[in-house]
Amino acid sequence: MVIIIKKGTPEAAIRQLLAQLSMQNVKGGCVAGAESILLPLVGETWRLDPNVLQALPFVQEVRRLTPPYRLAGVITGRPASRCASCIEQ
């Protein structure tokens, strides 16, 4: 998951967000660009609700890098996809 932060956001707000994410087993970094700040996240990002993050006043955009259907196997403990020939055997 990647969070794009609006340029001009106070550093304290970004640090607080990263601290809150850390308590949810999600780690992040900070990459400053010309027009925005990028927060790449790793860890249990599937637990995060993008709509909640998007509602923060300094968040410009939230993007998932792994589609939710690929995570179904991770949550249930089963492989994410199986082919028909594997199931029949």
PDB file of N, CA and C in Angstrom:
ATOM      1  N   MET A   1       0.856  -1.168   0.000  1.00  0.00           N
ATOM      2  CA  MET A   1       0.000   0.000   0.000  1.00  0.00           C
ATOM      3  C   MET A   1       0.898   1.226   0.000  1.00  0.00           C
ATOM      4  N   VAL A   2       0.398   2.269  -0.646  1.00  0.00           N
ATOM      5  CA  VAL A   2       1.113   3.538  -0.712  1.00  0.00           C
ATOM      6  C   VAL A   2       0.142   4.645  -0.345  1.00  0.00           C
ATOM      7  N   ILE A   3       0.592   5.551   0.514  1.00  0.00           N
ATOM      8  CA  ILE A   3      -0.195   6.727   0.859  1.00  0.00           C
ATOM      9  C   ILE A   3       0.526   7.939   0.286  1.00  0.00           C
ATOM     10  N   ILE A   4      -0.212   8.755  -0.449  1.00  0.00           N
ATOM     11  CA  ILE A   4       0.352   9.980  -1.013  1.00  0.00           C
ATOM     12  C   ILE A   4      -0.157  11.139  -0.155  1.00  0.00           C
ATOM     13  N   ILE A   5       0.794  11.852   0.420  1.00  0.00           N
ATOM     14  CA  ILE A   5       0.506  12.953   1.341  1.00  0.00           C
ATOM     15  C   ILE A   5       0.662  14.286   0.607  1.00  0.00           C
ATOM     16  N   LYS A   6      -0.212  15.227   0.907  1.00  0.00           N
ATOM     17  CA  LYS A   6      -0.140  16.553   0.294  1.00  0.00           C
ATOM     18  C   LYS A   6       1.129  17.282   0.728  1.00  0.00           C
ATOM     19  N   LYS A   7       1.724  17.980  -0.217  1.00  0.00           N
ATOM     20  CA  LYS A   7       2.911  18.783   0.077  1.00  0.00           C
ATOM     21  C   LYS A   7       2.540  19.861   1.094  1.00  0.00           C
ATOM     22  N   GLY A   8       3.410  20.141   2.027  1.00  0.00           N
ATOM     23  CA  GLY A   8       3.154  21.148   3.048  1.00  0.00           C
ATOM     24  C   GLY A   8       2.556  20.573   4.322  1.00  0.00           C
ATOM     25  N   THR A   9       2.350  19.260   4.363  1.00  0.00           N
ATOM     26  CA  THR A   9       1.835  18.622   5.578  1.00  0.00           C
ATOM     27  C   THR A   9       2.911  18.686   6.668  1.00  0.00           C
ATOM     28  N   PRO A  10       2.546  19.068   7.877  1.00  0.00           N
ATOM     29  CA  PRO A  10       3.541  19.139   8.959  1.00  0.00           C
ATOM     30  C   PRO A  10       4.191  17.769   9.214  1.00  0.00           C
ATOM     31  N   GLU A  11       5.466  17.800   9.471  1.00  0.00           N
ATOM     32  CA  GLU A  11       6.220  16.572   9.738  1.00  0.00           C
ATOM     33  C   GLU A  11       5.653  15.820  10.938  1.00  0.00           C
ATOM     34  N   ALA A  12       5.144  16.555  11.922  1.00  0.00           N
ATOM     35  CA  ALA A  12       4.568  15.934  13.118  1.00  0.00           C
ATOM     36  C   ALA A  12       3.357  15.070  12.759  1.00  0.00           C
ATOM     37  N   ALA A  13       2.550  15.517  11.808  1.00  0.00           N
ATOM     38  CA  ALA A  13       1.375  14.750  11.384  1.00  0.00           C
ATOM     39  C   ALA A  13       1.792  13.450  10.700  1.00  0.00           C
ATOM     40  N   ILE A  14       2.838  13.510   9.901  1.00  0.00           N
ATOM     41  CA  ILE A  14       3.335  12.311   9.215  1.00  0.00           C
ATOM     42  C   ILE A  14       3.915  11.336  10.235  1.00  0.00           C
ATOM     43  N   ARG A  15       4.687  11.852  11.188  1.00  0.00           N
ATOM     44  CA  ARG A  15       5.260  10.982  12.229  1.00  0.00           C
ATOM     45  C   ARG A  15       4.163  10.312  13.059  1.00  0.00           C
ATOM     46  N   GLN A  16       3.110  11.063  13.381  1.00  0.00           N
ATOM     47  CA  GLN A  16       2.007  10.511  14.158  1.00  0.00           C
ATOM     48  C   GLN A  16       1.292   9.410  13.373  1.00  0.00           C
ATOM     49  N   LEU A  17       1.075   9.627  12.084  1.00  0.00           N
ATOM     50  CA  LEU A  17       0.441   8.608  11.244  1.00  0.00           C
ATOM     51  C   LEU A  17       1.297   7.345  11.195  1.00  0.00           C
ATOM     52  N   LEU A  18       2.590   7.498  10.986  1.00  0.00           N
ATOM     53  CA  LEU A  18       3.486   6.342  10.940  1.00  0.00           C
ATOM     54  C   LEU A  18       3.519   5.610  12.277  1.00  0.00           C
ATOM     55  N   ALA A  19       3.438   6.336  13.384  1.00  0.00           N
ATOM     56  CA  ALA A  19       3.415   5.709  14.712  1.00  0.00           C
ATOM     57  C   ALA A  19       2.128   4.900  14.894  1.00  0.00           C
ATOM     58  N   GLN A  20       1.006   5.452  14.461  1.00  0.00           N
ATOM     59  CA  GLN A  20      -0.270   4.726  14.559  1.00  0.00           C
ATOM     60  C   GLN A  20      -0.261   3.478  13.677  1.00  0.00           C
ATOM     61  N   LEU A  21       0.306   3.582  12.493  1.00  0.00           N
ATOM     62  CA  LEU A  21       0.395   2.427  11.599  1.00  0.00           C
ATOM     63  C   LEU A  21       1.314   1.359  12.190  1.00  0.00           C
ATOM     64  N   SER A  22       2.370   1.783  12.845  1.00  0.00           N
ATOM     65  CA  SER A  22       3.311   0.856  13.466  1.00  0.00           C
ATOM     66  C   SER A  22       2.623  -0.002  14.528  1.00  0.00           C
ATOM     67  N   MET A  23       1.665   0.580  15.242  1.00  0.00           N
ATOM     68  CA  MET A  23       0.919  -0.172  16.253  1.00  0.00           C
ATOM     69  C   MET A  23      -0.006  -1.216  15.625  1.00  0.00           C
ATOM     70  N   GLN A  24      -0.215  -1.122  14.302  1.00  0.00           N
ATOM     71  CA  GLN A  24      -1.048  -2.082  13.582  1.00  0.00           C
ATOM     72  C   GLN A  24      -0.191  -3.032  12.744  1.00  0.00           C
ATOM     73  N   ASN A  25       1.075  -3.180  13.107  1.00  0.00           N
ATOM     74  CA  ASN A  25       2.021  -4.063  12.410  1.00  0.00           C
ATOM     75  C   ASN A  25       2.259  -3.644  10.966  1.00  0.00           C
ATOM     76  N   VAL A  26       2.277  -2.341  10.730  1.00  0.00           N
ATOM     77  CA  VAL A  26       2.564  -1.793   9.408  1.00  0.00           C
ATOM     78  C   VAL A  26       3.723  -0.820   9.553  1.00  0.00           C
ATOM     79  N   LYS A  27       4.751  -1.012   8.732  1.00  0.00           N
ATOM     80  CA  LYS A  27       5.908  -0.119   8.758  1.00  0.00           C
ATOM     81  C   LYS A  27       5.892   0.731   7.498  1.00  0.00           C
ATOM     82  N   GLY A  28       6.396   1.936   7.616  1.00  0.00           N
ATOM     83  CA  GLY A  28       6.411   2.833   6.472  1.00  0.00           C
ATOM     84  C   GLY A  28       7.636   3.703   6.444  1.00  0.00           C
ATOM     85  N   GLY A  29       7.868   4.243   5.286  1.00  0.00           N
ATOM     86  CA  GLY A  29       8.966   5.172   5.098  1.00  0.00           C
ATOM     87  C   GLY A  29       8.409   6.475   4.566  1.00  0.00           C
ATOM     88  N   CYS A  30       9.296   7.381   4.206  1.00  0.00           N
ATOM     89  CA  CYS A  30       8.877   8.688   3.723  1.00  0.00           C
ATOM     90  C   CYS A  30       9.793   9.101   2.583  1.00  0.00           C
ATOM     91  N   VAL A  31       9.185   9.384   1.421  1.00  0.00           N
ATOM     92  CA  VAL A  31       9.941   9.830   0.259  1.00  0.00           C
ATOM     93  C   VAL A  31       9.330  11.152  -0.198  1.00  0.00           C
ATOM     94  N   ALA A  32      10.081  12.229  -0.092  1.00  0.00           N
ATOM     95  CA  ALA A  32       9.578  13.549  -0.472  1.00  0.00           C
ATOM     96  C   ALA A  32       9.820  13.793  -1.948  1.00  0.00           C
ATOM     97  N   GLY A  33       8.757  14.209  -2.637  1.00  0.00           N
ATOM     98  CA  GLY A  33       8.853  14.554  -4.048  1.00  0.00           C
ATOM     99  C   GLY A  33       8.614  16.042  -4.237  1.00  0.00           C
ATOM    100  N   ALA A  34       8.571  16.468  -5.483  1.00  0.00           N
ATOM    101  CA  ALA A  34       8.382  17.883  -5.781  1.00  0.00           C
ATOM    102  C   ALA A  34       6.976  18.357  -5.434  1.00  0.00           C
ATOM    103  N   GLU A  35       5.973  17.493  -5.631  1.00  0.00           N
ATOM    104  CA  GLU A  35       4.582  17.911  -5.437  1.00  0.00           C
ATOM    105  C   GLU A  35       3.859  17.190  -4.306  1.00  0.00           C
ATOM    106  N   SER A  36       4.438  16.112  -3.807  1.00  0.00           N
ATOM    107  CA  SER A  36       3.784  15.353  -2.742  1.00  0.00           C
ATOM    108  C   SER A  36       4.813  14.525  -1.985  1.00  0.00           C
ATOM    109  N   ILE A  37       4.337  13.855  -0.946  1.00  0.00           N
ATOM    110  CA  ILE A  37       5.185  12.991  -0.124  1.00  0.00           C
ATOM    111  C   ILE A  37       4.618  11.585  -0.216  1.00  0.00           C
ATOM    112  N   LEU A  38       5.470  10.625  -0.481  1.00  0.00           N
ATOM    113  CA  LEU A  38       5.061   9.236  -0.657  1.00  0.00           C
ATOM    114  C   LEU A  38       5.401   8.438   0.597  1.00  0.00           C
ATOM    115  N   LEU A  39       4.400   7.700   1.109  1.00  0.00           N
ATOM    116  CA  LEU A  39       4.622   6.811   2.246  1.00  0.00           C
ATOM    117  C   LEU A  39       4.396   5.372   1.778  1.00  0.00           C
ATOM    118  N   PRO A  40       5.449   4.658   1.402  1.00  0.00           N
ATOM    119  CA  PRO A  40       5.284   3.241   1.057  1.00  0.00           C
ATOM    120  C   PRO A  40       5.143   2.425   2.339  1.00  0.00           C
ATOM    121  N   LEU A  41       4.155   1.536   2.374  1.00  0.00           N
ATOM    122  CA  LEU A  41       3.874   0.751   3.580  1.00  0.00           C
ATOM    123  C   LEU A  41       4.088  -0.730   3.312  1.00  0.00           C
ATOM    124  N   VAL A  42       4.611  -1.433   4.313  1.00  0.00           N
ATOM    125  CA  VAL A  42       4.770  -2.889   4.253  1.00  0.00           C
ATOM    126  C   VAL A  42       4.269  -3.480   5.562  1.00  0.00           C
ATOM    127  N   GLY A  43       3.889  -4.723   5.504  1.00  0.00           N
ATOM    128  CA  GLY A  43       3.377  -5.398   6.690  1.00  0.00           C
ATOM    129  C   GLY A  43       1.942  -5.828   6.459  1.00  0.00           C
ATOM    130  N   GLU A  44       1.159  -5.793   7.507  1.00  0.00           N
ATOM    131  CA  GLU A  44      -0.227  -6.249   7.440  1.00  0.00           C
ATOM    132  C   GLU A  44      -1.143  -5.140   6.918  1.00  0.00           C
ATOM    133  N   THR A  45      -0.835  -4.659   5.721  1.00  0.00           N
ATOM    134  CA  THR A  45      -1.611  -3.559   5.145  1.00  0.00           C
ATOM    135  C   THR A  45      -3.021  -3.993   4.762  1.00  0.00           C
ATOM    136  N   TRP A  46      -3.249  -5.280   4.617  1.00  0.00           N
ATOM    137  CA  TRP A  46      -4.588  -5.767   4.261  1.00  0.00           C
ATOM    138  C   TRP A  46      -5.594  -5.463   5.369  1.00  0.00           C
ATOM    139  N   ARG A  47      -5.108  -5.198   6.567  1.00  0.00           N
ATOM    140  CA  ARG A  47      -5.994  -4.865   7.686  1.00  0.00           C
ATOM    141  C   ARG A  47      -6.446  -3.395   7.652  1.00  0.00           C
ATOM    142  N   LEU A  48      -5.756  -2.571   6.892  1.00  0.00           N
ATOM    143  CA  LEU A  48      -6.060  -1.144   6.856  1.00  0.00           C
ATOM    144  C   LEU A  48      -7.224  -0.851   5.923  1.00  0.00           C
ATOM    145  N   ASP A  49      -8.070   0.077   6.324  1.00  0.00           N
ATOM    146  CA  ASP A  49      -9.189   0.514   5.496  1.00  0.00           C
ATOM    147  C   ASP A  49      -8.748   1.760   4.722  1.00  0.00           C
ATOM    148  N   PRO A  50      -8.617   1.647   3.395  1.00  0.00           N
ATOM    149  CA  PRO A  50      -8.180   2.807   2.608  1.00  0.00           C
ATOM    150  C   PRO A  50      -9.105   4.016   2.752  1.00  0.00           C
ATOM    151  N   ASN A  51     -10.395   3.783   2.968  1.00  0.00           N
ATOM    152  CA  ASN A  51     -11.345   4.895   3.118  1.00  0.00           C
ATOM    153  C   ASN A  51     -11.073   5.705   4.379  1.00  0.00           C
ATOM    154  N   VAL A  52     -10.663   5.038   5.451  1.00  0.00           N
ATOM    155  CA  VAL A  52     -10.336   5.736   6.696  1.00  0.00           C
ATOM    156  C   VAL A  52      -9.083   6.594   6.496  1.00  0.00           C
ATOM    157  N   LEU A  53      -8.086   6.022   5.829  1.00  0.00           N
ATOM    158  CA  LEU A  53      -6.859   6.780   5.568  1.00  0.00           C
ATOM    159  C   LEU A  53      -7.136   7.952   4.630  1.00  0.00           C
ATOM    160  N   GLN A  54      -7.956   7.727   3.619  1.00  0.00           N
ATOM    161  CA  GLN A  54      -8.283   8.761   2.639  1.00  0.00           C
ATOM    162  C   GLN A  54      -9.011   9.936   3.300  1.00  0.00           C
ATOM    163  N   ALA A  55      -9.726   9.672   4.382  1.00  0.00           N
ATOM    164  CA  ALA A  55     -10.487  10.719   5.071  1.00  0.00           C
ATOM    165  C   ALA A  55      -9.603  11.680   5.864  1.00  0.00           C
ATOM    166  N   LEU A  56      -8.344  11.320   6.087  1.00  0.00           N
ATOM    167  CA  LEU A  56      -7.438  12.224   6.806  1.00  0.00           C
ATOM    168  C   LEU A  56      -7.218  13.490   5.978  1.00  0.00           C
ATOM    169  N   PRO A  57      -7.194  14.659   6.602  1.00  0.00           N
ATOM    170  CA  PRO A  57      -7.149  15.920   5.846  1.00  0.00           C
ATOM    171  C   PRO A  57      -5.889  16.120   5.002  1.00  0.00           C
ATOM    172  N   PHE A  58      -4.797  15.489   5.363  1.00  0.00           N
ATOM    173  CA  PHE A  58      -3.545  15.692   4.638  1.00  0.00           C
ATOM    174  C   PHE A  58      -3.238  14.585   3.637  1.00  0.00           C
ATOM    175  N   VAL A  59      -4.140  13.611   3.501  1.00  0.00           N
ATOM    176  CA  VAL A  59      -3.924  12.507   2.554  1.00  0.00           C
ATOM    177  C   VAL A  59      -4.521  12.877   1.201  1.00  0.00           C
ATOM    178  N   GLN A  60      -3.700  12.774   0.190  1.00  0.00           N
ATOM    179  CA  GLN A  60      -4.133  13.072  -1.178  1.00  0.00           C
ATOM    180  C   GLN A  60      -4.727  11.831  -1.832  1.00  0.00           C
ATOM    181  N   GLU A  61      -4.076  10.673  -1.620  1.00  0.00           N
ATOM    182  CA  GLU A  61      -4.530   9.444  -2.266  1.00  0.00           C
ATOM    183  C   GLU A  61      -3.977   8.223  -1.522  1.00  0.00           C
ATOM    184  N   VAL A  62      -4.738   7.125  -1.570  1.00  0.00           N
ATOM    185  CA  VAL A  62      -4.307   5.851  -0.992  1.00  0.00           C
ATOM    186  C   VAL A  62      -4.427   4.801  -2.089  1.00  0.00           C
ATOM    187  N   ARG A  63      -3.370   4.038  -2.293  1.00  0.00           N
ATOM    188  CA  ARG A  63      -3.378   3.000  -3.335  1.00  0.00           C
ATOM    189  C   ARG A  63      -2.925   1.667  -2.757  1.00  0.00           C
ATOM    190  N   ARG A  64      -3.691   0.643  -3.055  1.00  0.00           N
ATOM    191  CA  ARG A  64      -3.272  -0.724  -2.734  1.00  0.00           C
ATOM    192  C   ARG A  64      -2.419  -1.240  -3.881  1.00  0.00           C
ATOM    193  N   LEU A  65      -1.333  -1.912  -3.558  1.00  0.00           N
ATOM    194  CA  LEU A  65      -0.480  -2.480  -4.592  1.00  0.00           C
ATOM    195  C   LEU A  65      -0.829  -3.933  -4.865  1.00  0.00           C
ATOM    196  N   THR A  66      -1.454  -4.602  -3.902  1.00  0.00           N
ATOM    197  CA  THR A  66      -1.887  -5.984  -4.059  1.00  0.00           C
ATOM    198  C   THR A  66      -3.408  -5.996  -4.036  1.00  0.00           C
ATOM    199  N   PRO A  67      -4.040  -6.499  -5.100  1.00  0.00           N
ATOM    200  CA  PRO A  67      -5.506  -6.535  -5.125  1.00  0.00           C
ATOM    201  C   PRO A  67      -6.064  -7.398  -4.000  1.00  0.00           C
ATOM    202  N   PRO A  68      -7.230  -7.043  -3.438  1.00  0.00           N
ATOM    203  CA  PRO A  68      -7.823  -7.796  -2.328  1.00  0.00           C
ATOM    204  C   PRO A  68      -8.042  -9.280  -2.638  1.00  0.00           C
ATOM    205  N   TYR A  69      -8.387  -9.630  -3.881  1.00  0.00           N
ATOM    206  CA  TYR A  69      -8.631 -11.036  -4.187  1.00  0.00           C
ATOM    207  C   TYR A  69      -7.362 -11.871  -4.044  1.00  0.00           C
ATOM    208  N   ARG A  70      -6.210 -11.292  -4.221  1.00  0.00           N
ATOM    209  CA  ARG A  70      -4.953 -12.016  -4.046  1.00  0.00           C
ATOM    210  C   ARG A  70      -4.678 -12.281  -2.576  1.00  0.00           C
ATOM    211  N   LEU A  71      -5.280 -11.500  -1.704  1.00  0.00           N
ATOM    212  CA  LEU A  71      -5.046 -11.646  -0.279  1.00  0.00           C
ATOM    213  C   LEU A  71      -5.977 -12.658   0.373  1.00  0.00           C
ATOM    214  N   ALA A  72      -6.972 -13.155  -0.341  1.00  0.00           N
ATOM    215  CA  ALA A  72      -7.938 -14.088   0.237  1.00  0.00           C
ATOM    216  C   ALA A  72      -7.244 -15.323   0.800  1.00  0.00           C
ATOM    217  N   GLY A  73      -6.261 -15.841   0.103  1.00  0.00           N
ATOM    218  CA  GLY A  73      -5.540 -17.010   0.577  1.00  0.00           C
ATOM    219  C   GLY A  73      -4.706 -16.728   1.809  1.00  0.00           C
ATOM    220  N   VAL A  74      -4.200 -15.527   1.924  1.00  0.00           N
ATOM    221  CA  VAL A  74      -3.393 -15.158   3.082  1.00  0.00           C
ATOM    222  C   VAL A  74      -4.263 -15.135   4.334  1.00  0.00           C
ATOM    223  N   ILE A  75      -5.468 -14.623   4.215  1.00  0.00           N
ATOM    224  CA  ILE A  75      -6.358 -14.494   5.355  1.00  0.00           C
ATOM    225  C   ILE A  75      -6.865 -15.859   5.807  1.00  0.00           C
ATOM    226  N   THR A  76      -7.232 -16.726   4.862  1.00  0.00           N
ATOM    227  CA  THR A  76      -7.812 -18.017   5.210  1.00  0.00           C
ATOM    228  C   THR A  76      -6.780 -19.109   5.401  1.00  0.00           C
ATOM    229  N   GLY A  77      -5.547 -18.851   4.994  1.00  0.00           N
ATOM    230  CA  GLY A  77      -4.505 -19.862   5.108  1.00  0.00           C
ATOM    231  C   GLY A  77      -4.439 -20.777   3.899  1.00  0.00           C
ATOM    232  N   ARG A  78      -5.260 -20.505   2.896  1.00  0.00           N
ATOM    233  CA  ARG A  78      -5.244 -21.294   1.664  1.00  0.00           C
ATOM    234  C   ARG A  78      -4.513 -20.531   0.574  1.00  0.00           C
ATOM    235  N   PRO A  79      -4.014 -21.254  -0.427  1.00  0.00           N
ATOM    236  CA  PRO A  79      -3.367 -20.564  -1.547  1.00  0.00           C
ATOM    237  C   PRO A  79      -4.341 -19.600  -2.217  1.00  0.00           C
ATOM    238  N   ALA A  80      -3.822 -18.513  -2.772  1.00  0.00           N
ATOM    239  CA  ALA A  80      -4.666 -17.485  -3.369  1.00  0.00           C
ATOM    240  C   ALA A  80      -5.381 -17.972  -4.619  1.00  0.00           C
ATOM    241  N   SER A  81      -4.787 -18.871  -5.360  1.00  0.00           N
ATOM    242  CA  SER A  81      -5.449 -19.376  -6.560  1.00  0.00           C
ATOM    243  C   SER A  81      -5.040 -20.828  -6.791  1.00  0.00           C
ATOM    244  N   ARG A  82      -5.937 -21.574  -7.399  1.00  0.00           N
ATOM    245  CA  ARG A  82      -5.660 -22.970  -7.754  1.00  0.00           C
ATOM    246  C   ARG A  82      -6.166 -23.221  -9.155  1.00  0.00           C
ATOM    247  N   CYS A  83      -5.483 -24.072  -9.858  1.00  0.00           N
ATOM    248  CA  CYS A  83      -5.973 -24.438 -11.187  1.00  0.00           C
ATOM    249  C   CYS A  83      -6.872 -25.669 -11.060  1.00  0.00           C
ATOM    250  N   ALA A  84      -7.734 -25.872 -12.043  1.00  0.00           N
ATOM    251  CA  ALA A  84      -8.699 -26.976 -12.000  1.00  0.00           C
ATOM    252  C   ALA A  84      -8.010 -28.328 -11.919  1.00  0.00           C
ATOM    253  N   SER A  85      -6.886 -28.496 -12.621  1.00  0.00           N
ATOM    254  CA  SER A  85      -6.206 -29.790 -12.612  1.00  0.00           C
ATOM    255  C   SER A  85      -5.647 -30.123 -11.218  1.00  0.00           C
ATOM    256  N   CYS A  86      -5.245 -29.113 -10.460  1.00  0.00           N
ATOM    257  CA  CYS A  86      -4.725 -29.350  -9.109  1.00  0.00           C
ATOM    258  C   CYS A  86      -5.851 -29.801  -8.151  1.00  0.00           C
ATOM    259  N   ILE A  87      -7.042 -29.254  -8.341  1.00  0.00           N
ATOM    260  CA  ILE A  87      -8.163 -29.570  -7.480  1.00  0.00           C
ATOM    261  C   ILE A  87      -8.668 -30.991  -7.740  1.00  0.00           C
ATOM    262  N   GLU A  88      -8.667 -31.409  -8.999  1.00  0.00           N
ATOM    263  CA  GLU A  88      -9.181 -32.722  -9.367  1.00  0.00           C
ATOM    264  C   GLU A  88      -8.315 -33.858  -8.859  1.00  0.00           C
ATOM    265  N   GLN A  89      -7.043 -33.632  -8.631  1.00  0.00           N
ATOM    266  CA  GLN A  89      -6.125 -34.704  -8.241  1.00  0.00           C
ATOM    267  C   GLN A  89      -6.314 -35.141  -6.830  1.00  0.00           C
TER     268      GLN A  89
END
